[in-house]
Amino acid sequence: MGRRTQLRLQEPSETFHDHVACTFMRDRNVILNREIIGKGDTMWGSDFLHFDGAWPGSSNSLKSQFEGVQLEDQRRIDRENAIALY
């Protein structure tokens, strides 16, 4: 007979954190709400080289958005989460 899989019921927020990654370009609200969204689920993206992307000027964009944010959180959001995902 077929093999049965045990399903584990999860809260919607658990499913979100297990299966979803979010990107943003110019939205400080994402950074300010990183504890709710999930530091490991959030990634900054420049949308390089599309006309409406953050490039050139990515450094200035990040600097203003990350003002007052711990360096560890900055690193996770602007590079480490993307490295871990891909």
C-alpha atoms as a PDB file:
ATOM      1  CA  MET A   1       0.000   0.000   0.000  1.00  0.00           C
ATOM      2  CA  GLY A   2       0.950   3.648  -0.293  1.00  0.00           C
ATOM      3  CA  ARG A   3       3.105   5.376   2.253  1.00  0.00           C
ATOM      4  CA  ARG A   4       1.296   7.779   4.553  1.00  0.00           C
ATOM      5  CA  THR A   5       2.812  11.124   5.374  1.00  0.00           C
ATOM      6  CA  GLN A   6       2.277  12.642   8.762  1.00  0.00           C
ATOM      7  CA  LEU A   7       1.120  16.238   8.420  1.00  0.00           C
ATOM      8  CA  ARG A   8       2.125  18.708  11.038  1.00  0.00           C
ATOM      9  CA  LEU A   9      -0.415  21.464  11.539  1.00  0.00           C
ATOM     10  CA  GLN A  10       1.170  24.880  11.635  1.00  0.00           C
ATOM     11  CA  GLU A  11       0.057  28.358  12.405  1.00  0.00           C
ATOM     12  CA  PRO A  12      -0.092  30.534   9.268  1.00  0.00           C
ATOM     13  CA  SER A  13       2.839  32.577  10.578  1.00  0.00           C
ATOM     14  CA  GLU A  14       4.954  29.407  10.889  1.00  0.00           C
ATOM     15  CA  THR A  15       4.147  28.431   7.303  1.00  0.00           C
ATOM     16  CA  PHE A  16       5.083  31.952   6.187  1.00  0.00           C
ATOM     17  CA  HIS A  17       8.439  31.883   7.964  1.00  0.00           C
ATOM     18  CA  ASP A  18       9.209  28.384   6.670  1.00  0.00           C
ATOM     19  CA  HIS A  19       8.342  29.005   3.012  1.00  0.00           C
ATOM     20  CA  VAL A  20       8.366  32.723   2.140  1.00  0.00           C
ATOM     21  CA  ALA A  21      11.126  35.254   1.544  1.00  0.00           C
ATOM     22  CA  CYS A  22      10.309  38.950   1.053  1.00  0.00           C
ATOM     23  CA  THR A  23      12.250  41.537  -0.895  1.00  0.00           C
ATOM     24  CA  PHE A  24      12.007  45.306  -0.896  1.00  0.00           C
ATOM     25  CA  MET A  25      13.846  48.211  -2.435  1.00  0.00           C
ATOM     26  CA  ARG A  26      12.736  51.507  -0.915  1.00  0.00           C
ATOM     27  CA  ASP A  27      10.548  50.836   2.092  1.00  0.00           C
ATOM     28  CA  ARG A  28      11.913  51.684   5.526  1.00  0.00           C
ATOM     29  CA  ASN A  29       8.743  50.229   7.060  1.00  0.00           C
ATOM     30  CA  VAL A  30      10.024  46.766   6.173  1.00  0.00           C
ATOM     31  CA  ILE A  31      13.195  47.413   8.155  1.00  0.00           C
ATOM     32  CA  LEU A  32      11.309  48.930  11.073  1.00  0.00           C
ATOM     33  CA  ASN A  33       9.025  45.859  11.185  1.00  0.00           C
ATOM     34  CA  ARG A  34      11.757  43.258  10.716  1.00  0.00           C
ATOM     35  CA  GLU A  35      10.946  41.609  14.035  1.00  0.00           C
ATOM     36  CA  ILE A  36       7.394  40.910  12.858  1.00  0.00           C
ATOM     37  CA  ILE A  37       8.210  39.973   9.252  1.00  0.00           C
ATOM     38  CA  GLY A  38      11.271  37.999  10.285  1.00  0.00           C
ATOM     39  CA  LYS A  39      14.889  39.027  10.007  1.00  0.00           C
ATOM     40  CA  GLY A  40      15.662  35.803   8.156  1.00  0.00           C
ATOM     41  CA  ASP A  41      12.762  36.292   5.723  1.00  0.00           C
ATOM     42  CA  THR A  42      13.660  39.788   4.517  1.00  0.00           C
ATOM     43  CA  MET A  43      16.082  40.768   1.736  1.00  0.00           C
ATOM     44  CA  TRP A  44      16.941  44.096   0.171  1.00  0.00           C
ATOM     45  CA  GLY A  45      17.085  44.139  -3.619  1.00  0.00           C
ATOM     46  CA  SER A  46      18.339  46.816  -5.997  1.00  0.00           C
ATOM     47  CA  ASP A  47      16.444  45.483  -9.047  1.00  0.00           C
ATOM     48  CA  PHE A  48      19.652  46.121 -10.980  1.00  0.00           C
ATOM     49  CA  LEU A  49      19.525  47.262 -13.948  1.00  0.00           C
ATOM     50  CA  HIS A  50      15.832  48.023 -14.455  1.00  0.00           C
ATOM     51  CA  PHE A  51      14.941  51.666 -14.984  1.00  0.00           C
ATOM     52  CA  ASP A  52      12.994  51.855 -11.723  1.00  0.00           C
ATOM     53  CA  GLY A  53      15.614  50.069  -9.609  1.00  0.00           C
ATOM     54  CA  ALA A  54      17.729  51.532  -6.823  1.00  0.00           C
ATOM     55  CA  TRP A  55      20.909  51.544  -8.928  1.00  0.00           C
ATOM     56  CA  PRO A  56      22.836  53.811  -9.229  1.00  0.00           C
ATOM     57  CA  GLY A  57      22.697  55.235  -5.753  1.00  0.00           C
ATOM     58  CA  SER A  58      22.199  51.926  -3.968  1.00  0.00           C
ATOM     59  CA  SER A  59      24.662  52.840  -1.226  1.00  0.00           C
ATOM     60  CA  ASN A  60      22.862  56.081  -0.423  1.00  0.00           C
ATOM     61  CA  SER A  61      19.503  54.314  -0.459  1.00  0.00           C
ATOM     62  CA  LEU A  62      20.723  51.658   1.980  1.00  0.00           C
ATOM     63  CA  LYS A  63      22.424  54.200   4.224  1.00  0.00           C
ATOM     64  CA  SER A  64      19.233  56.186   4.746  1.00  0.00           C
ATOM     65  CA  GLN A  65      17.018  53.105   5.146  1.00  0.00           C
ATOM     66  CA  PHE A  66      19.320  51.426   7.665  1.00  0.00           C
ATOM     67  CA  GLU A  67      19.830  54.502   9.827  1.00  0.00           C
ATOM     68  CA  GLY A  68      19.846  53.417  13.484  1.00  0.00           C
ATOM     69  CA  VAL A  69      19.706  49.684  12.646  1.00  0.00           C
ATOM     70  CA  GLN A  70      22.198  47.275  14.230  1.00  0.00           C
ATOM     71  CA  LEU A  71      25.011  46.237  11.880  1.00  0.00           C
ATOM     72  CA  GLU A  72      24.132  42.537  12.336  1.00  0.00           C
ATOM     73  CA  ASP A  73      20.583  43.178  11.070  1.00  0.00           C
ATOM     74  CA  GLN A  74      21.891  45.272   8.179  1.00  0.00           C
ATOM     75  CA  ARG A  75      24.169  42.453   7.049  1.00  0.00           C
ATOM     76  CA  ARG A  76      21.403  39.858   7.239  1.00  0.00           C
ATOM     77  CA  ILE A  77      18.940  41.947   5.259  1.00  0.00           C
ATOM     78  CA  ASP A  78      21.280  43.367   2.625  1.00  0.00           C
ATOM     79  CA  ARG A  79      23.260  40.190   1.850  1.00  0.00           C
ATOM     80  CA  GLU A  80      23.362  37.200   4.209  1.00  0.00           C
ATOM     81  CA  ASN A  81      19.715  36.163   3.763  1.00  0.00           C
ATOM     82  CA  ALA A  82      20.075  36.171  -0.032  1.00  0.00           C
ATOM     83  CA  ILE A  83      23.285  34.142   0.176  1.00  0.00           C
ATOM     84  CA  ALA A  84      21.578  31.578   2.411  1.00  0.00           C
ATOM     85  CA  LEU A  85      18.518  31.351   0.146  1.00  0.00           C
ATOM     86  CA  TYR A  86      20.353  30.992  -3.148  1.00  0.00           C
END
